[in-house]
Amino acid sequence: MKTYFQTEIIKAIFQHPEAKRQWLEISFKGCRVEITSRYWDPCLKLIFLQHKKNYIEAFYLCEKPVNDEMVWDMPINLDLKISKYGEKFYNWFQCFGFVENRTKLFDSVEELLYQDLFNPLLAPIKNGRTLYPIKWYIDPGIIVASFQKTPKYRLTDNKIKFDGRILYQIQLLRSLPEAWLEMGELGGFVEYEENLSQEGICWLQKGRYLPKVYGNAKIRDNANVYGQVIVNGNADISENATVHASKSWKIIVTNNAKISGNAFIRNKFCDCDLWFGENMAIQEDIERKLMQQPELVNLYQEK
């Protein structure tokens, strides 16, 4: 039963697409199974305990030290005891025994496991709640940990003056596994929250040089901006576009420039600043274009 149960966990949890996106990790310790992720709040674990052949307990465990003492809570805690009624199966804990017209019956043990155990535990993973920091309420005699939904990032107190404006460095409030970014990481600088969407996985990547976005410029969807990139005016970078300034060269996106689609802009091979302004609309791979036709670099020089 133990091997069977562990196999069902792998089938139910780890074969779900969201489990792959969140890079879940599993460990087996006798009759105890622990699931964690580098992208989850460090205090969070999903634990399965097989107490008896037909008795399974599963819960999300949140633990953290407070004033030299470890506090804990379980936002979701489920007990399942597989029992049989005729040719059907049911969870003894639903009604503490079989109750006619009240107890749910299932055709197989697998169906019972999925409906009464795996589906409720998968819900926070499927809706992405496990990627947000756990919310704690701690008072004398009361400790509550709960899943929550928070913005993608916040404006920190780290600010700079640039081009006559005050810009604020951003910090992730939740993980973005698709972008290999963990909760707490710092990014580039923005003037307002409107400069960088709270939706999608768009981000201003931290490196030797930090991107700066201000004015009415917007970064949206899954767009990513790296290095010494300056985005201002009414410029818009969206969809799956990437703008990557290499070395110490700048890329300036300004005026009413629109960069979208699968556009890829990088100045690694042209060794110069690049400029995109006026009413330019870019949806192509500019790096490849300039590698094939270097003389076209003049099209992307500041006018």
C-alpha atoms as a PDB file:
ATOM      1  CA  MET A   1       0.000   0.000   0.000  1.00  0.00           C
ATOM      2  CA  LYS A   2       2.897   2.362   0.820  1.00  0.00           C
ATOM      3  CA  THR A   3       4.437   2.089  -2.644  1.00  0.00           C
ATOM      4  CA  TYR A   4       0.976   2.353  -4.180  1.00  0.00           C
ATOM      5  CA  PHE A   5       0.215   5.486  -2.168  1.00  0.00           C
ATOM      6  CA  GLN A   6       3.519   7.144  -3.137  1.00  0.00           C
ATOM      7  CA  THR A   7       2.831   6.327  -6.783  1.00  0.00           C
ATOM      8  CA  GLU A   8      -0.596   7.973  -6.539  1.00  0.00           C
ATOM      9  CA  ILE A   9       0.980  11.133  -5.065  1.00  0.00           C
ATOM     10  CA  ILE A  10       3.398  11.347  -7.978  1.00  0.00           C
ATOM     11  CA  LYS A  11       0.601  10.793 -10.496  1.00  0.00           C
ATOM     12  CA  ALA A  12      -1.772  13.286  -8.895  1.00  0.00           C
ATOM     13  CA  ILE A  13       0.610  16.080  -7.869  1.00  0.00           C
ATOM     14  CA  PHE A  14       3.743  15.853  -9.981  1.00  0.00           C
ATOM     15  CA  GLN A  15       2.122  15.165 -13.322  1.00  0.00           C
ATOM     16  CA  HIS A  16       0.076  18.347 -13.069  1.00  0.00           C
ATOM     17  CA  PRO A  17       1.510  21.128 -15.331  1.00  0.00           C
ATOM     18  CA  GLU A  18       1.519  23.624 -12.469  1.00  0.00           C
ATOM     19  CA  ALA A  19       3.744  21.319 -10.420  1.00  0.00           C
ATOM     20  CA  LYS A  20       6.340  21.435 -13.191  1.00  0.00           C
ATOM     21  CA  ARG A  21       6.023  25.211 -13.466  1.00  0.00           C
ATOM     22  CA  GLN A  22       6.619  25.606  -9.721  1.00  0.00           C
ATOM     23  CA  TRP A  23       9.541  23.122  -9.704  1.00  0.00           C
ATOM     24  CA  LEU A  24       8.164  20.961  -6.899  1.00  0.00           C
ATOM     25  CA  GLU A  25      10.593  18.666  -5.090  1.00  0.00           C
ATOM     26  CA  ILE A  26       9.620  15.468  -3.270  1.00  0.00           C
ATOM     27  CA  SER A  27      11.308  13.461  -0.508  1.00  0.00           C
ATOM     28  CA  PHE A  28      10.296  10.096   0.966  1.00  0.00           C
ATOM     29  CA  LYS A  29      10.969   9.366   4.635  1.00  0.00           C
ATOM     30  CA  GLY A  30       9.386   6.026   5.471  1.00  0.00           C
ATOM     31  CA  CYS A  31       5.631   6.593   5.609  1.00  0.00           C
ATOM     32  CA  ARG A  32       6.113  10.369   5.340  1.00  0.00           C
ATOM     33  CA  VAL A  33       6.180  12.240   2.013  1.00  0.00           C
ATOM     34  CA  GLU A  34       7.254  15.908   1.891  1.00  0.00           C
ATOM     35  CA  ILE A  35       6.785  18.279  -1.041  1.00  0.00           C
ATOM     36  CA  THR A  36       8.563  21.635  -1.202  1.00  0.00           C
ATOM     37  CA  SER A  37       9.668  24.182  -3.795  1.00  0.00           C
ATOM     38  CA  ARG A  38      12.400  26.794  -3.956  1.00  0.00           C
ATOM     39  CA  TYR A  39       9.693  29.150  -5.228  1.00  0.00           C
ATOM     40  CA  TRP A  40       7.404  28.680  -2.210  1.00  0.00           C
ATOM     41  CA  ASP A  41       7.582  30.604   1.026  1.00  0.00           C
ATOM     42  CA  PRO A  42      10.452  28.888   2.939  1.00  0.00           C
ATOM     43  CA  CYS A  43       8.071  28.165   5.829  1.00  0.00           C
ATOM     44  CA  LEU A  44       5.725  26.063   3.644  1.00  0.00           C
ATOM     45  CA  LYS A  45       5.637  22.286   3.090  1.00  0.00           C
ATOM     46  CA  LEU A  46       3.017  19.845   1.840  1.00  0.00           C
ATOM     47  CA  ILE A  47       3.154  16.638   3.910  1.00  0.00           C
ATOM     48  CA  PHE A  48       1.501  13.230   3.539  1.00  0.00           C
ATOM     49  CA  LEU A  49       1.535  10.745   6.429  1.00  0.00           C
ATOM     50  CA  GLN A  50       0.393   7.158   6.092  1.00  0.00           C
ATOM     51  CA  HIS A  51      -0.514   6.137   9.639  1.00  0.00           C
ATOM     52  CA  LYS A  52      -2.044   2.789   8.701  1.00  0.00           C
ATOM     53  CA  LYS A  53      -2.619   0.862   5.502  1.00  0.00           C
ATOM     54  CA  ASN A  54      -5.930   2.645   4.932  1.00  0.00           C
ATOM     55  CA  TYR A  55      -5.434   5.833   6.989  1.00  0.00           C
ATOM     56  CA  ILE A  56      -3.742   8.863   5.401  1.00  0.00           C
ATOM     57  CA  GLU A  57      -3.274  12.370   6.774  1.00  0.00           C
ATOM     58  CA  ALA A  58      -2.222  15.241   4.483  1.00  0.00           C
ATOM     59  CA  PHE A  59      -1.651  18.892   5.272  1.00  0.00           C
ATOM     60  CA  TYR A  60       0.165  22.093   4.382  1.00  0.00           C
ATOM     61  CA  LEU A  61       2.534  22.857   7.263  1.00  0.00           C
ATOM     62  CA  CYS A  62       3.756  26.402   7.953  1.00  0.00           C
ATOM     63  CA  GLU A  63       6.544  26.833  10.506  1.00  0.00           C
ATOM     64  CA  LYS A  64       8.658  29.809  11.463  1.00  0.00           C
ATOM     65  CA  PRO A  65      10.630  31.063  14.485  1.00  0.00           C
ATOM     66  CA  VAL A  66       9.092  33.897  16.511  1.00  0.00           C
ATOM     67  CA  ASN A  67      10.921  35.235  19.584  1.00  0.00           C
ATOM     68  CA  ASP A  68      13.199  32.170  19.754  1.00  0.00           C
ATOM     69  CA  GLU A  69      10.195  29.861  19.574  1.00  0.00           C
ATOM     70  CA  MET A  70       8.925  27.844  16.605  1.00  0.00           C
ATOM     71  CA  VAL A  71       5.287  28.565  15.755  1.00  0.00           C
ATOM     72  CA  TRP A  72       3.220  26.576  13.259  1.00  0.00           C
ATOM     73  CA  ASP A  73      -0.173  26.197  11.665  1.00  0.00           C
ATOM     74  CA  MET A  74      -1.825  24.076   8.969  1.00  0.00           C
ATOM     75  CA  PRO A  75      -3.909  26.115   6.463  1.00  0.00           C
ATOM     76  CA  ILE A  76      -5.271  22.846   5.012  1.00  0.00           C
ATOM     77  CA  ASN A  77      -5.434  19.609   7.029  1.00  0.00           C
ATOM     78  CA  LEU A  78      -7.200  16.504   5.687  1.00  0.00           C
ATOM     79  CA  ASP A  79      -7.762  13.007   7.072  1.00  0.00           C
ATOM     80  CA  LEU A  80      -8.761  10.087   4.881  1.00  0.00           C
ATOM     81  CA  LYS A  81      -9.596   6.596   6.062  1.00  0.00           C
ATOM     82  CA  ILE A  82     -10.435   4.282   3.192  1.00  0.00           C
ATOM     83  CA  SER A  83     -13.493   2.205   4.075  1.00  0.00           C
ATOM     84  CA  LYS A  84     -15.729  -0.065   2.043  1.00  0.00           C
ATOM     85  CA  TYR A  85     -19.515  -0.334   1.712  1.00  0.00           C
ATOM     86  CA  GLY A  86     -20.491  -3.203  -0.563  1.00  0.00           C
ATOM     87  CA  GLU A  87     -18.492  -2.721  -3.766  1.00  0.00           C
ATOM     88  CA  LYS A  88     -18.031   1.010  -3.126  1.00  0.00           C
ATOM     89  CA  PHE A  89     -15.412   3.012  -1.193  1.00  0.00           C
ATOM     90  CA  TYR A  90     -15.797   6.008   1.103  1.00  0.00           C
ATOM     91  CA  ASN A  91     -13.895   8.237   3.529  1.00  0.00           C
ATOM     92  CA  TRP A  92     -14.744   7.186   7.086  1.00  0.00           C
ATOM     93  CA  PHE A  93     -13.913  10.700   8.363  1.00  0.00           C
ATOM     94  CA  GLN A  94     -16.620  12.361   6.268  1.00  0.00           C
ATOM     95  CA  CYS A  95     -19.383  11.272   8.670  1.00  0.00           C
ATOM     96  CA  PHE A  96     -17.275   9.174  11.109  1.00  0.00           C
ATOM     97  CA  GLY A  97     -18.729   6.041   9.639  1.00  0.00           C
ATOM     98  CA  PHE A  98     -21.196   5.263   6.882  1.00  0.00           C
ATOM     99  CA  VAL A  99     -24.412   7.318   6.978  1.00  0.00           C
ATOM    100  CA  GLU A 100     -27.112   6.543   4.442  1.00  0.00           C
ATOM    101  CA  ASN A 101     -27.780   9.373   1.951  1.00  0.00           C
ATOM    102  CA  ARG A 102     -24.947  11.465   3.443  1.00  0.00           C
ATOM    103  CA  THR A 103     -21.735   9.576   2.852  1.00  0.00           C
ATOM    104  CA  LYS A 104     -20.208   9.978  -0.617  1.00  0.00           C
ATOM    105  CA  LEU A 105     -19.458   6.664  -2.301  1.00  0.00           C
ATOM    106  CA  PHE A 106     -16.789   6.085  -4.953  1.00  0.00           C
ATOM    107  CA  ASP A 107     -16.271   3.320  -7.498  1.00  0.00           C
ATOM    108  CA  SER A 108     -12.534   2.987  -6.787  1.00  0.00           C
ATOM    109  CA  VAL A 109      -9.852   3.859  -4.245  1.00  0.00           C
ATOM    110  CA  GLU A 110      -8.170   6.082  -6.857  1.00  0.00           C
ATOM    111  CA  GLU A 111     -11.352   8.135  -7.339  1.00  0.00           C
ATOM    112  CA  LEU A 112     -11.710   8.527  -3.566  1.00  0.00           C
ATOM    113  CA  LEU A 113      -8.088   9.660  -3.208  1.00  0.00           C
ATOM    114  CA  TYR A 114      -8.440  12.242  -5.974  1.00  0.00           C
ATOM    115  CA  GLN A 115     -11.770  13.685  -4.859  1.00  0.00           C
ATOM    116  CA  ASP A 116     -11.286  13.772  -1.094  1.00  0.00           C
ATOM    117  CA  LEU A 117      -7.515  14.252  -0.840  1.00  0.00           C
ATOM    118  CA  PHE A 118      -5.564  15.288  -3.909  1.00  0.00           C
ATOM    119  CA  ASN A 119      -7.988  17.806  -5.452  1.00  0.00           C
ATOM    120  CA  PRO A 120      -8.314  19.978  -2.293  1.00  0.00           C
ATOM    121  CA  LEU A 121      -4.535  19.897  -1.821  1.00  0.00           C
ATOM    122  CA  LEU A 122      -3.885  20.734  -5.475  1.00  0.00           C
ATOM    123  CA  ALA A 123      -6.147  23.803  -5.364  1.00  0.00           C
ATOM    124  CA  PRO A 124      -3.540  26.245  -3.890  1.00  0.00           C
ATOM    125  CA  ILE A 125      -0.951  24.921  -6.353  1.00  0.00           C
ATOM    126  CA  LYS A 126      -3.266  25.193  -9.387  1.00  0.00           C
ATOM    127  CA  ASN A 127      -4.363  28.759  -8.573  1.00  0.00           C
ATOM    128  CA  GLY A 128      -0.801  29.837  -7.782  1.00  0.00           C
ATOM    129  CA  ARG A 129      -1.432  30.649  -4.106  1.00  0.00           C
ATOM    130  CA  THR A 130       1.603  28.601  -3.082  1.00  0.00           C
ATOM    131  CA  LEU A 131       3.809  31.132  -4.893  1.00  0.00           C
ATOM    132  CA  TYR A 132       2.744  33.959  -2.566  1.00  0.00           C
ATOM    133  CA  PRO A 133       4.189  34.580   0.898  1.00  0.00           C
ATOM    134  CA  ILE A 134       2.205  33.002   3.719  1.00  0.00           C
ATOM    135  CA  LYS A 135       0.131  35.482   5.721  1.00  0.00           C
ATOM    136  CA  TRP A 136       0.539  35.122   9.492  1.00  0.00           C
ATOM    137  CA  TYR A 137      -1.693  36.318  12.308  1.00  0.00           C
ATOM    138  CA  ILE A 138       0.027  35.866  15.662  1.00  0.00           C
ATOM    139  CA  ASP A 139      -1.534  36.933  18.946  1.00  0.00           C
ATOM    140  CA  PRO A 140      -1.325  35.457  22.452  1.00  0.00           C
ATOM    141  CA  GLY A 141      -3.033  32.077  22.165  1.00  0.00           C
ATOM    142  CA  ILE A 142      -3.815  32.529  18.451  1.00  0.00           C
ATOM    143  CA  ILE A 143      -1.605  31.495  15.539  1.00  0.00           C
ATOM    144  CA  VAL A 144      -3.079  31.456  12.044  1.00  0.00           C
ATOM    145  CA  ALA A 145      -1.202  30.936   8.762  1.00  0.00           C
ATOM    146  CA  SER A 146      -3.124  31.351   5.510  1.00  0.00           C
ATOM    147  CA  PHE A 147      -2.636  31.489   1.763  1.00  0.00           C
ATOM    148  CA  GLN A 148      -3.053  34.928   0.240  1.00  0.00           C
ATOM    149  CA  LYS A 149      -2.774  36.800  -3.023  1.00  0.00           C
ATOM    150  CA  THR A 150      -0.388  39.740  -3.191  1.00  0.00           C
ATOM    151  CA  PRO A 151       0.876  42.054  -5.934  1.00  0.00           C
ATOM    152  CA  LYS A 152       3.789  40.798  -8.033  1.00  0.00           C
ATOM    153  CA  TYR A 153       6.206  43.440  -6.790  1.00  0.00           C
ATOM    154  CA  ARG A 154       6.557  46.540  -4.648  1.00  0.00           C
ATOM    155  CA  LEU A 155       8.440  49.826  -4.887  1.00  0.00           C
ATOM    156  CA  THR A 156      11.264  49.825  -2.345  1.00  0.00           C
ATOM    157  CA  ASP A 157      12.740  52.777  -0.453  1.00  0.00           C
ATOM    158  CA  ASN A 158      15.863  52.497  -2.605  1.00  0.00           C
ATOM    159  CA  LYS A 159      15.532  55.463  -4.973  1.00  0.00           C
ATOM    160  CA  ILE A 160      17.688  57.386  -7.435  1.00  0.00           C
ATOM    161  CA  LYS A 161      17.403  60.660  -9.299  1.00  0.00           C
ATOM    162  CA  PHE A 162      17.566  60.177 -13.071  1.00  0.00           C
ATOM    163  CA  ASP A 163      16.695  62.532 -15.918  1.00  0.00           C
ATOM    164  CA  GLY A 164      15.146  64.932 -13.407  1.00  0.00           C
ATOM    165  CA  ARG A 165      12.829  62.257 -11.945  1.00  0.00           C
ATOM    166  CA  ILE A 166      12.765  60.089  -8.842  1.00  0.00           C
ATOM    167  CA  LEU A 167      12.876  56.365  -9.667  1.00  0.00           C
ATOM    168  CA  TYR A 168      12.299  53.488  -7.218  1.00  0.00           C
ATOM    169  CA  GLN A 169      13.867  50.047  -7.275  1.00  0.00           C
ATOM    170  CA  ILE A 170      11.375  47.160  -7.460  1.00  0.00           C
ATOM    171  CA  GLN A 171      11.302  43.934  -5.447  1.00  0.00           C
ATOM    172  CA  LEU A 172       9.389  40.713  -6.104  1.00  0.00           C
ATOM    173  CA  LEU A 173       6.694  39.824  -3.574  1.00  0.00           C
ATOM    174  CA  ARG A 174       6.158  36.372  -5.086  1.00  0.00           C
ATOM    175  CA  SER A 175       8.111  33.936  -7.203  1.00  0.00           C
ATOM    176  CA  LEU A 176       8.001  33.814 -11.009  1.00  0.00           C
ATOM    177  CA  PRO A 177       9.222  30.276 -11.826  1.00  0.00           C
ATOM    178  CA  GLU A 178       8.859  30.751 -15.598  1.00  0.00           C
ATOM    179  CA  ALA A 179      11.403  33.562 -15.390  1.00  0.00           C
ATOM    180  CA  TRP A 180      13.612  31.754 -12.836  1.00  0.00           C
ATOM    181  CA  LEU A 181      12.941  34.498 -10.307  1.00  0.00           C
ATOM    182  CA  GLU A 182      12.423  33.977  -6.599  1.00  0.00           C
ATOM    183  CA  MET A 183      10.392  35.970  -4.103  1.00  0.00           C
ATOM    184  CA  GLY A 184      12.440  38.832  -2.630  1.00  0.00           C
ATOM    185  CA  GLU A 185      14.667  39.430  -5.662  1.00  0.00           C
ATOM    186  CA  LEU A 186      15.392  43.041  -6.605  1.00  0.00           C
ATOM    187  CA  GLY A 187      14.953  44.410 -10.114  1.00  0.00           C
ATOM    188  CA  GLY A 188      15.385  47.674 -12.008  1.00  0.00           C
ATOM    189  CA  PHE A 189      13.904  51.116 -11.405  1.00  0.00           C
ATOM    190  CA  VAL A 190      10.493  52.609 -12.226  1.00  0.00           C
ATOM    191  CA  GLU A 191       8.925  55.988 -11.609  1.00  0.00           C
ATOM    192  CA  TYR A 192       5.408  54.678 -10.982  1.00  0.00           C
ATOM    193  CA  GLU A 193       3.761  51.307 -10.533  1.00  0.00           C
ATOM    194  CA  GLU A 194       2.022  51.952 -13.875  1.00  0.00           C
ATOM    195  CA  ASN A 195       5.402  51.582 -15.628  1.00  0.00           C
ATOM    196  CA  LEU A 196       5.516  47.818 -14.982  1.00  0.00           C
ATOM    197  CA  SER A 197       2.413  45.625 -15.007  1.00  0.00           C
ATOM    198  CA  GLN A 198       1.581  43.602 -11.893  1.00  0.00           C
ATOM    199  CA  GLU A 199       0.256  40.881 -14.220  1.00  0.00           C
ATOM    200  CA  GLY A 200       2.176  38.378 -16.335  1.00  0.00           C
ATOM    201  CA  ILE A 201       5.882  37.674 -15.833  1.00  0.00           C
ATOM    202  CA  CYS A 202       7.241  40.936 -17.259  1.00  0.00           C
ATOM    203  CA  TRP A 203      10.259  42.087 -15.275  1.00  0.00           C
ATOM    204  CA  LEU A 204      13.243  44.439 -15.175  1.00  0.00           C
ATOM    205  CA  GLN A 205      16.179  42.114 -14.626  1.00  0.00           C
ATOM    206  CA  LYS A 206      18.893  42.950 -12.131  1.00  0.00           C
ATOM    207  CA  GLY A 207      22.506  42.811 -13.314  1.00  0.00           C
ATOM    208  CA  ARG A 208      25.602  44.988 -13.502  1.00  0.00           C
ATOM    209  CA  TYR A 209      23.382  47.725 -14.954  1.00  0.00           C
ATOM    210  CA  LEU A 210      19.723  48.212 -14.067  1.00  0.00           C
ATOM    211  CA  PRO A 211      16.896  49.087 -16.484  1.00  0.00           C
ATOM    212  CA  LYS A 212      15.037  52.357 -15.905  1.00  0.00           C
ATOM    213  CA  VAL A 213      11.419  52.930 -16.937  1.00  0.00           C
ATOM    214  CA  TYR A 214       9.631  56.235 -16.423  1.00  0.00           C
ATOM    215  CA  GLY A 215       7.214  58.757 -17.871  1.00  0.00           C
ATOM    216  CA  ASN A 216       4.232  57.113 -19.570  1.00  0.00           C
ATOM    217  CA  ALA A 217       6.274  54.113 -20.699  1.00  0.00           C
ATOM    218  CA  LYS A 218       4.886  50.653 -20.006  1.00  0.00           C
ATOM    219  CA  ILE A 219       6.294  47.129 -19.740  1.00  0.00           C
ATOM    220  CA  ARG A 220       3.542  44.501 -19.978  1.00  0.00           C
ATOM    221  CA  ASP A 221       2.621  40.833 -20.468  1.00  0.00           C
ATOM    222  CA  ASN A 222       5.711  38.573 -20.553  1.00  0.00           C
ATOM    223  CA  ALA A 223       8.208  41.184 -21.747  1.00  0.00           C
ATOM    224  CA  ASN A 224      11.653  41.210 -20.170  1.00  0.00           C
ATOM    225  CA  VAL A 225      14.166  44.027 -20.008  1.00  0.00           C
ATOM    226  CA  TYR A 226      17.835  43.514 -19.098  1.00  0.00           C
ATOM    227  CA  GLY A 227      20.862  45.719 -18.562  1.00  0.00           C
ATOM    228  CA  GLN A 228      21.320  49.403 -19.316  1.00  0.00           C
ATOM    229  CA  VAL A 229      17.951  49.918 -20.983  1.00  0.00           C
ATOM    230  CA  ILE A 230      16.130  53.251 -20.710  1.00  0.00           C
ATOM    231  CA  VAL A 231      12.416  53.243 -21.518  1.00  0.00           C
ATOM    232  CA  ASN A 232      10.511  56.529 -21.431  1.00  0.00           C
ATOM    233  CA  GLY A 233       8.038  58.748 -23.272  1.00  0.00           C
ATOM    234  CA  ASN A 234       5.004  56.728 -24.422  1.00  0.00           C
ATOM    235  CA  ALA A 235       7.053  53.658 -25.307  1.00  0.00           C
ATOM    236  CA  ASP A 236       5.435  50.248 -24.876  1.00  0.00           C
ATOM    237  CA  ILE A 237       7.174  46.863 -24.567  1.00  0.00           C
ATOM    238  CA  SER A 238       4.747  43.966 -24.450  1.00  0.00           C
ATOM    239  CA  GLU A 239       3.868  40.341 -25.252  1.00  0.00           C
ATOM    240  CA  ASN A 240       7.022  38.159 -25.376  1.00  0.00           C
ATOM    241  CA  ALA A 241       9.486  40.873 -26.349  1.00  0.00           C
ATOM    242  CA  THR A 242      13.023  40.950 -24.916  1.00  0.00           C
ATOM    243  CA  VAL A 243      15.237  44.039 -24.776  1.00  0.00           C
ATOM    244  CA  HIS A 244      18.754  43.225 -23.594  1.00  0.00           C
ATOM    245  CA  ALA A 245      21.540  45.783 -23.388  1.00  0.00           C
ATOM    246  CA  SER A 246      24.936  44.050 -23.407  1.00  0.00           C
ATOM    247  CA  LYS A 247      28.162  45.187 -21.810  1.00  0.00           C
ATOM    248  CA  SER A 248      28.090  48.940 -21.120  1.00  0.00           C
ATOM    249  CA  TRP A 249      26.111  49.839 -24.259  1.00  0.00           C
ATOM    250  CA  LYS A 250      22.680  51.396 -23.856  1.00  0.00           C
ATOM    251  CA  ILE A 251      19.381  50.665 -25.528  1.00  0.00           C
ATOM    252  CA  ILE A 252      16.912  53.544 -25.489  1.00  0.00           C
ATOM    253  CA  VAL A 253      13.217  52.974 -26.206  1.00  0.00           C
ATOM    254  CA  THR A 254      11.360  56.274 -26.317  1.00  0.00           C
ATOM    255  CA  ASN A 255       8.673  58.457 -27.930  1.00  0.00           C
ATOM    256  CA  ASN A 256       5.868  56.224 -29.238  1.00  0.00           C
ATOM    257  CA  ALA A 257       7.972  53.147 -30.005  1.00  0.00           C
ATOM    258  CA  LYS A 258       6.151  49.811 -29.730  1.00  0.00           C
ATOM    259  CA  ILE A 259       8.105  46.596 -29.206  1.00  0.00           C
ATOM    260  CA  SER A 260       5.961  43.471 -29.126  1.00  0.00           C
ATOM    261  CA  GLY A 261       5.428  39.934 -30.417  1.00  0.00           C
ATOM    262  CA  ASN A 262       8.612  37.880 -30.154  1.00  0.00           C
ATOM    263  CA  ALA A 263      10.885  40.841 -30.777  1.00  0.00           C
ATOM    264  CA  PHE A 264      14.467  40.292 -29.603  1.00  0.00           C
ATOM    265  CA  ILE A 265      16.702  43.334 -29.305  1.00  0.00           C
ATOM    266  CA  ARG A 266      20.292  43.016 -28.140  1.00  0.00           C
ATOM    267  CA  ASN A 267      23.421  44.986 -28.991  1.00  0.00           C
ATOM    268  CA  LYS A 268      25.953  42.274 -28.160  1.00  0.00           C
ATOM    269  CA  PHE A 269      27.433  42.084 -31.675  1.00  0.00           C
ATOM    270  CA  CYS A 270      27.135  45.666 -32.867  1.00  0.00           C
ATOM    271  CA  ASP A 271      29.053  47.254 -29.953  1.00  0.00           C
ATOM    272  CA  CYS A 272      27.095  50.485 -29.909  1.00  0.00           C
ATOM    273  CA  ASP A 273      24.071  52.145 -28.365  1.00  0.00           C
ATOM    274  CA  LEU A 274      20.726  51.406 -30.027  1.00  0.00           C
ATOM    275  CA  TRP A 275      17.789  53.794 -30.207  1.00  0.00           C
ATOM    276  CA  PHE A 276      14.128  53.036 -30.903  1.00  0.00           C
ATOM    277  CA  GLY A 277      11.823  56.025 -31.041  1.00  0.00           C
ATOM    278  CA  GLU A 278       9.316  58.091 -32.983  1.00  0.00           C
ATOM    279  CA  ASN A 279       6.613  55.650 -34.140  1.00  0.00           C
ATOM    280  CA  MET A 280       8.775  52.563 -34.606  1.00  0.00           C
ATOM    281  CA  ALA A 281       6.928  49.236 -34.336  1.00  0.00           C
ATOM    282  CA  ILE A 282       9.281  46.292 -33.793  1.00  0.00           C
ATOM    283  CA  GLN A 283       8.231  42.636 -33.769  1.00  0.00           C
ATOM    284  CA  GLU A 284      11.322  40.970 -35.212  1.00  0.00           C
ATOM    285  CA  ASP A 285      14.708  39.667 -34.079  1.00  0.00           C
ATOM    286  CA  ILE A 286      16.862  42.796 -34.414  1.00  0.00           C
ATOM    287  CA  GLU A 287      20.032  41.061 -33.225  1.00  0.00           C
ATOM    288  CA  ARG A 288      19.838  38.493 -36.036  1.00  0.00           C
ATOM    289  CA  LYS A 289      18.991  41.226 -38.538  1.00  0.00           C
ATOM    290  CA  LEU A 290      22.078  43.264 -37.602  1.00  0.00           C
ATOM    291  CA  MET A 291      24.312  40.190 -37.654  1.00  0.00           C
ATOM    292  CA  GLN A 292      23.209  39.478 -41.222  1.00  0.00           C
ATOM    293  CA  GLN A 293      23.224  43.120 -42.360  1.00  0.00           C
ATOM    294  CA  PRO A 294      25.526  45.194 -40.075  1.00  0.00           C
ATOM    295  CA  GLU A 295      25.072  48.299 -42.234  1.00  0.00           C
ATOM    296  CA  LEU A 296      21.453  48.554 -41.026  1.00  0.00           C
ATOM    297  CA  VAL A 297      22.652  49.610 -37.586  1.00  0.00           C
ATOM    298  CA  ASN A 298      22.268  53.227 -38.741  1.00  0.00           C
ATOM    299  CA  LEU A 299      18.492  52.698 -38.699  1.00  0.00           C
ATOM    300  CA  TYR A 300      18.687  52.288 -34.953  1.00  0.00           C
ATOM    301  CA  GLN A 301      20.912  55.231 -34.035  1.00  0.00           C
ATOM    302  CA  GLU A 302      19.564  58.270 -32.229  1.00  0.00           C
ATOM    303  CA  LYS A 303      18.252  60.806 -34.718  1.00  0.00           C
END
